[in-house]
Amino acid sequence: MKITITDLASKWFHDDMGVTTGNGVRFYGKTYGKTAVHSGFSIGIMRDDEPHQPIAMVEKDGVNYYVNDCDEWFFKGYDLTVDYDEQNDGPKYDYTPNNE
């Protein structure tokens, strides 16, 4: 699994979530909602500076963005691109199939 954070998404995380150099943001699967690849589940985000057995991690503008091993079920077979959605003033998520 690969995580990509766009420049606009990084700016949103810094401005709206208040993350700074050395902080972390964790992506995880949660019940209820819907994504392009899951029905009944949606993606969650939370500020978490201590990754626990990450299966994917990328650093962007000093912040670590990652997925822990306990959420592999949600992301298995996909790469994640996080961009900024101007209409909703928040992140949007694109899932790209990979060869896992």
N, C-alpha and C. Protein backbone atom coordinates (compact mmCIF):
# COMPACT_ATOMS: atom_id res chain seq x y z
N MET A 1 0.83 -1.18 0.00
CA MET A 1 0.00 0.00 0.00
C MET A 1 0.87 1.24 0.00
N LYS A 2 0.47 2.21 -0.78
CA LYS A 2 1.18 3.48 -0.87
C LYS A 2 0.20 4.60 -0.53
N ILE A 3 0.68 5.58 0.24
CA ILE A 3 -0.12 6.75 0.59
C ILE A 3 0.49 7.97 -0.10
N THR A 4 -0.35 8.76 -0.75
CA THR A 4 0.09 10.02 -1.36
C THR A 4 -0.75 11.14 -0.77
N ILE A 5 -0.08 12.19 -0.32
CA ILE A 5 -0.74 13.38 0.22
C ILE A 5 -0.42 14.53 -0.72
N THR A 6 -1.43 15.16 -1.30
CA THR A 6 -1.18 16.28 -2.21
C THR A 6 -0.80 17.52 -1.40
N ASP A 7 -0.25 18.51 -2.10
CA ASP A 7 0.12 19.77 -1.45
C ASP A 7 -1.10 20.45 -0.82
N LEU A 8 -2.23 20.45 -1.54
CA LEU A 8 -3.43 21.09 -1.01
C LEU A 8 -3.97 20.35 0.21
N ALA A 9 -3.90 19.03 0.20
CA ALA A 9 -4.33 18.26 1.37
C ALA A 9 -3.42 18.55 2.56
N SER A 10 -2.13 18.60 2.32
CA SER A 10 -1.18 18.90 3.39
C SER A 10 -1.50 20.25 4.01
N LYS A 11 -1.79 21.23 3.17
CA LYS A 11 -2.14 22.56 3.68
C LYS A 11 -3.39 22.48 4.55
N TRP A 12 -4.40 21.71 4.12
CA TRP A 12 -5.62 21.57 4.91
C TRP A 12 -5.31 20.95 6.27
N PHE A 13 -4.52 19.87 6.31
CA PHE A 13 -4.18 19.23 7.58
C PHE A 13 -3.46 20.22 8.51
N HIS A 14 -2.55 21.01 7.95
CA HIS A 14 -1.83 21.99 8.77
C HIS A 14 -2.78 23.09 9.26
N ASP A 15 -3.60 23.62 8.36
CA ASP A 15 -4.47 24.75 8.72
C ASP A 15 -5.65 24.33 9.60
N ASP A 16 -6.31 23.22 9.24
CA ASP A 16 -7.55 22.85 9.93
C ASP A 16 -7.35 21.89 11.10
N MET A 17 -6.40 21.00 10.99
CA MET A 17 -6.14 20.08 12.10
C MET A 17 -5.01 20.56 13.00
N GLY A 18 -4.28 21.58 12.55
CA GLY A 18 -3.23 22.16 13.37
C GLY A 18 -1.98 21.31 13.50
N VAL A 19 -1.77 20.38 12.55
CA VAL A 19 -0.57 19.55 12.64
C VAL A 19 0.66 20.37 12.27
N THR A 20 1.78 20.01 12.88
CA THR A 20 3.06 20.65 12.60
C THR A 20 4.13 19.58 12.51
N THR A 21 5.33 19.99 12.21
CA THR A 21 6.46 19.06 12.08
C THR A 21 6.55 18.15 13.30
N GLY A 22 6.66 16.86 13.02
CA GLY A 22 6.77 15.85 14.08
C GLY A 22 5.45 15.22 14.46
N ASN A 23 4.34 15.77 13.99
CA ASN A 23 3.02 15.21 14.29
C ASN A 23 2.71 14.05 13.34
N GLY A 24 1.61 13.35 13.63
CA GLY A 24 1.16 12.25 12.79
C GLY A 24 -0.34 12.28 12.58
N VAL A 25 -0.76 11.74 11.45
CA VAL A 25 -2.18 11.59 11.12
C VAL A 25 -2.40 10.15 10.71
N ARG A 26 -3.35 9.49 11.37
CA ARG A 26 -3.64 8.08 11.09
C ARG A 26 -4.95 7.99 10.31
N PHE A 27 -4.93 7.16 9.27
CA PHE A 27 -6.13 6.83 8.50
C PHE A 27 -6.58 5.44 8.94
N TYR A 28 -7.89 5.26 9.08
CA TYR A 28 -8.41 3.97 9.54
C TYR A 28 -9.80 3.74 8.96
N GLY A 29 -10.22 2.50 8.97
CA GLY A 29 -11.56 2.14 8.53
C GLY A 29 -12.52 2.17 9.69
N LYS A 30 -13.73 2.68 9.45
CA LYS A 30 -14.72 2.73 10.51
C LYS A 30 -16.08 2.30 9.95
N THR A 31 -16.93 1.81 10.83
CA THR A 31 -18.26 1.37 10.39
C THR A 31 -19.13 2.57 10.07
N TYR A 32 -20.10 2.32 9.24
CA TYR A 32 -21.07 3.30 8.75
C TYR A 32 -20.43 4.18 7.67
N GLY A 33 -21.24 4.54 6.73
CA GLY A 33 -20.79 5.37 5.63
C GLY A 33 -20.56 4.57 4.37
N LYS A 34 -19.84 5.15 3.46
CA LYS A 34 -19.58 4.50 2.18
C LYS A 34 -18.38 5.17 1.53
N THR A 35 -17.56 4.36 0.87
CA THR A 35 -16.47 4.88 0.06
C THR A 35 -16.65 4.34 -1.36
N ALA A 36 -15.76 4.71 -2.23
CA ALA A 36 -15.81 4.21 -3.61
C ALA A 36 -15.55 2.70 -3.67
N VAL A 37 -14.97 2.14 -2.61
CA VAL A 37 -14.62 0.71 -2.63
C VAL A 37 -15.26 -0.10 -1.49
N HIS A 38 -15.94 0.56 -0.56
CA HIS A 38 -16.56 -0.13 0.56
C HIS A 38 -17.97 0.41 0.80
N SER A 39 -18.91 -0.48 0.97
CA SER A 39 -20.25 -0.07 1.35
C SER A 39 -20.44 -0.44 2.83
N GLY A 40 -20.93 0.49 3.62
CA GLY A 40 -21.12 0.24 5.04
C GLY A 40 -19.92 0.63 5.89
N PHE A 41 -18.87 1.12 5.24
CA PHE A 41 -17.66 1.54 5.96
C PHE A 41 -17.16 2.85 5.35
N SER A 42 -16.51 3.66 6.16
CA SER A 42 -15.92 4.89 5.66
C SER A 42 -14.52 5.06 6.24
N ILE A 43 -13.81 6.03 5.73
CA ILE A 43 -12.45 6.27 6.20
C ILE A 43 -12.50 7.29 7.34
N GLY A 44 -11.70 7.05 8.34
CA GLY A 44 -11.57 7.97 9.45
C GLY A 44 -10.17 8.54 9.50
N ILE A 45 -10.03 9.71 10.09
CA ILE A 45 -8.72 10.32 10.30
C ILE A 45 -8.64 10.79 11.75
N MET A 46 -7.45 10.70 12.29
CA MET A 46 -7.25 11.22 13.64
C MET A 46 -5.80 11.62 13.81
N ARG A 47 -5.59 12.59 14.64
CA ARG A 47 -4.24 13.00 15.01
C ARG A 47 -3.69 11.94 15.95
N ASP A 48 -2.57 11.35 15.56
CA ASP A 48 -1.93 10.31 16.36
C ASP A 48 -0.45 10.36 16.03
N ASP A 49 0.35 10.80 16.97
CA ASP A 49 1.78 10.99 16.74
C ASP A 49 2.61 9.73 16.91
N GLU A 50 2.00 8.63 17.34
CA GLU A 50 2.74 7.40 17.62
C GLU A 50 2.21 6.24 16.78
N PRO A 51 2.76 6.03 15.58
CA PRO A 51 2.32 4.89 14.77
C PRO A 51 2.58 3.57 15.50
N HIS A 52 1.65 2.62 15.35
CA HIS A 52 1.80 1.30 15.93
C HIS A 52 1.77 0.28 14.80
N GLN A 53 2.91 -0.26 14.48
CA GLN A 53 3.08 -1.25 13.41
C GLN A 53 2.41 -0.78 12.11
N PRO A 54 2.89 0.37 11.57
CA PRO A 54 2.28 0.87 10.33
C PRO A 54 2.56 -0.05 9.15
N ILE A 55 1.54 -0.21 8.30
CA ILE A 55 1.71 -0.98 7.06
C ILE A 55 2.06 -0.05 5.91
N ALA A 56 1.80 1.24 6.08
CA ALA A 56 2.16 2.25 5.10
C ALA A 56 2.33 3.57 5.82
N MET A 57 3.34 4.34 5.40
CA MET A 57 3.57 5.64 6.01
C MET A 57 4.30 6.51 4.99
N VAL A 58 3.93 7.79 4.99
CA VAL A 58 4.62 8.77 4.15
C VAL A 58 4.76 10.05 4.96
N GLU A 59 5.87 10.73 4.78
CA GLU A 59 6.09 12.02 5.43
C GLU A 59 5.86 13.11 4.39
N LYS A 60 5.08 14.10 4.75
CA LYS A 60 4.81 15.24 3.87
C LYS A 60 4.83 16.50 4.72
N ASP A 61 5.71 17.42 4.37
CA ASP A 61 5.82 18.70 5.08
C ASP A 61 6.00 18.51 6.59
N GLY A 62 6.80 17.49 6.95
CA GLY A 62 7.14 17.26 8.35
C GLY A 62 6.15 16.42 9.13
N VAL A 63 5.04 16.01 8.52
CA VAL A 63 4.00 15.24 9.20
C VAL A 63 3.99 13.82 8.66
N ASN A 64 3.88 12.83 9.55
CA ASN A 64 3.78 11.43 9.15
C ASN A 64 2.31 11.05 8.99
N TYR A 65 1.96 10.55 7.80
CA TYR A 65 0.62 10.06 7.50
C TYR A 65 0.73 8.56 7.36
N TYR A 66 -0.16 7.80 8.02
CA TYR A 66 0.04 6.36 8.04
C TYR A 66 -1.24 5.58 8.29
N VAL A 67 -1.11 4.26 8.07
CA VAL A 67 -2.16 3.28 8.36
C VAL A 67 -1.51 2.20 9.21
N ASN A 68 -2.11 1.88 10.35
CA ASN A 68 -1.61 0.81 11.21
C ASN A 68 -2.06 -0.55 10.71
N ASP A 69 -1.38 -1.58 11.17
CA ASP A 69 -1.67 -2.95 10.72
C ASP A 69 -3.09 -3.40 11.03
N CYS A 70 -3.69 -2.89 12.10
CA CYS A 70 -5.05 -3.31 12.46
C CYS A 70 -6.09 -2.83 11.45
N ASP A 71 -5.73 -1.91 10.57
CA ASP A 71 -6.65 -1.39 9.56
C ASP A 71 -6.30 -1.86 8.15
N GLU A 72 -5.46 -2.87 8.08
CA GLU A 72 -5.09 -3.40 6.77
C GLU A 72 -6.31 -3.89 5.99
N TRP A 73 -7.29 -4.46 6.69
CA TRP A 73 -8.50 -4.97 6.04
C TRP A 73 -9.20 -3.91 5.18
N PHE A 74 -9.15 -2.67 5.62
CA PHE A 74 -9.85 -1.60 4.92
C PHE A 74 -9.12 -1.15 3.66
N PHE A 75 -7.80 -1.19 3.69
CA PHE A 75 -6.98 -0.65 2.60
C PHE A 75 -6.35 -1.72 1.71
N LYS A 76 -6.51 -2.99 2.07
CA LYS A 76 -5.85 -4.08 1.34
C LYS A 76 -6.23 -4.04 -0.14
N GLY A 77 -5.19 -4.07 -0.99
CA GLY A 77 -5.39 -4.07 -2.43
C GLY A 77 -5.49 -2.69 -3.06
N TYR A 78 -5.32 -1.64 -2.25
CA TYR A 78 -5.46 -0.27 -2.76
C TYR A 78 -4.34 0.64 -2.29
N ASP A 79 -3.99 1.60 -3.13
CA ASP A 79 -3.17 2.73 -2.73
C ASP A 79 -4.12 3.88 -2.45
N LEU A 80 -3.73 4.77 -1.57
CA LEU A 80 -4.59 5.87 -1.15
C LEU A 80 -3.97 7.20 -1.52
N THR A 81 -4.73 8.03 -2.23
CA THR A 81 -4.33 9.41 -2.50
C THR A 81 -5.30 10.32 -1.75
N VAL A 82 -4.73 11.22 -0.96
CA VAL A 82 -5.53 12.17 -0.20
C VAL A 82 -5.33 13.54 -0.83
N ASP A 83 -6.42 14.14 -1.25
CA ASP A 83 -6.40 15.45 -1.89
C ASP A 83 -7.35 16.36 -1.12
N TYR A 84 -7.45 17.60 -1.55
CA TYR A 84 -8.34 18.57 -0.92
C TYR A 84 -9.58 18.76 -1.79
N ASP A 85 -10.75 18.70 -1.17
CA ASP A 85 -12.02 18.91 -1.85
C ASP A 85 -12.52 20.31 -1.49
N GLU A 86 -12.44 21.21 -2.44
CA GLU A 86 -12.80 22.61 -2.19
C GLU A 86 -14.28 22.77 -1.84
N GLN A 87 -15.15 22.00 -2.49
CA GLN A 87 -16.59 22.12 -2.21
C GLN A 87 -16.94 21.75 -0.78
N ASN A 88 -16.29 20.72 -0.25
CA ASN A 88 -16.57 20.27 1.12
C ASN A 88 -15.58 20.84 2.14
N ASP A 89 -14.60 21.58 1.66
CA ASP A 89 -13.55 22.13 2.51
C ASP A 89 -12.96 21.07 3.44
N GLY A 90 -12.52 19.99 2.82
CA GLY A 90 -11.92 18.90 3.59
C GLY A 90 -11.24 17.92 2.66
N PRO A 91 -10.68 16.88 3.22
CA PRO A 91 -9.97 15.91 2.40
C PRO A 91 -10.91 15.05 1.57
N LYS A 92 -10.42 14.60 0.42
CA LYS A 92 -11.12 13.61 -0.38
C LYS A 92 -10.14 12.49 -0.63
N TYR A 93 -10.67 11.29 -0.82
CA TYR A 93 -9.85 10.09 -0.87
C TYR A 93 -10.08 9.35 -2.19
N ASP A 94 -8.99 9.04 -2.85
CA ASP A 94 -9.05 8.26 -4.08
C ASP A 94 -8.31 6.95 -3.83
N TYR A 95 -8.97 5.85 -4.19
CA TYR A 95 -8.41 4.51 -4.01
C TYR A 95 -8.01 3.98 -5.38
N THR A 96 -6.77 3.55 -5.51
CA THR A 96 -6.27 2.99 -6.76
C THR A 96 -5.88 1.55 -6.51
N PRO A 97 -6.43 0.61 -7.26
CA PRO A 97 -6.04 -0.80 -7.07
C PRO A 97 -4.53 -0.97 -7.25
N ASN A 98 -3.93 -1.80 -6.40
CA ASN A 98 -2.53 -2.15 -6.56
C ASN A 98 -2.41 -3.66 -6.70
N ASN A 99 -1.22 -4.17 -6.77
CA ASN A 99 -0.99 -5.60 -7.01
C ASN A 99 -0.78 -6.42 -5.74
N GLU A 100 -1.29 -5.96 -4.64
CA GLU A 100 -1.14 -6.73 -3.38
C GLU A 100 -2.01 -7.96 -3.39
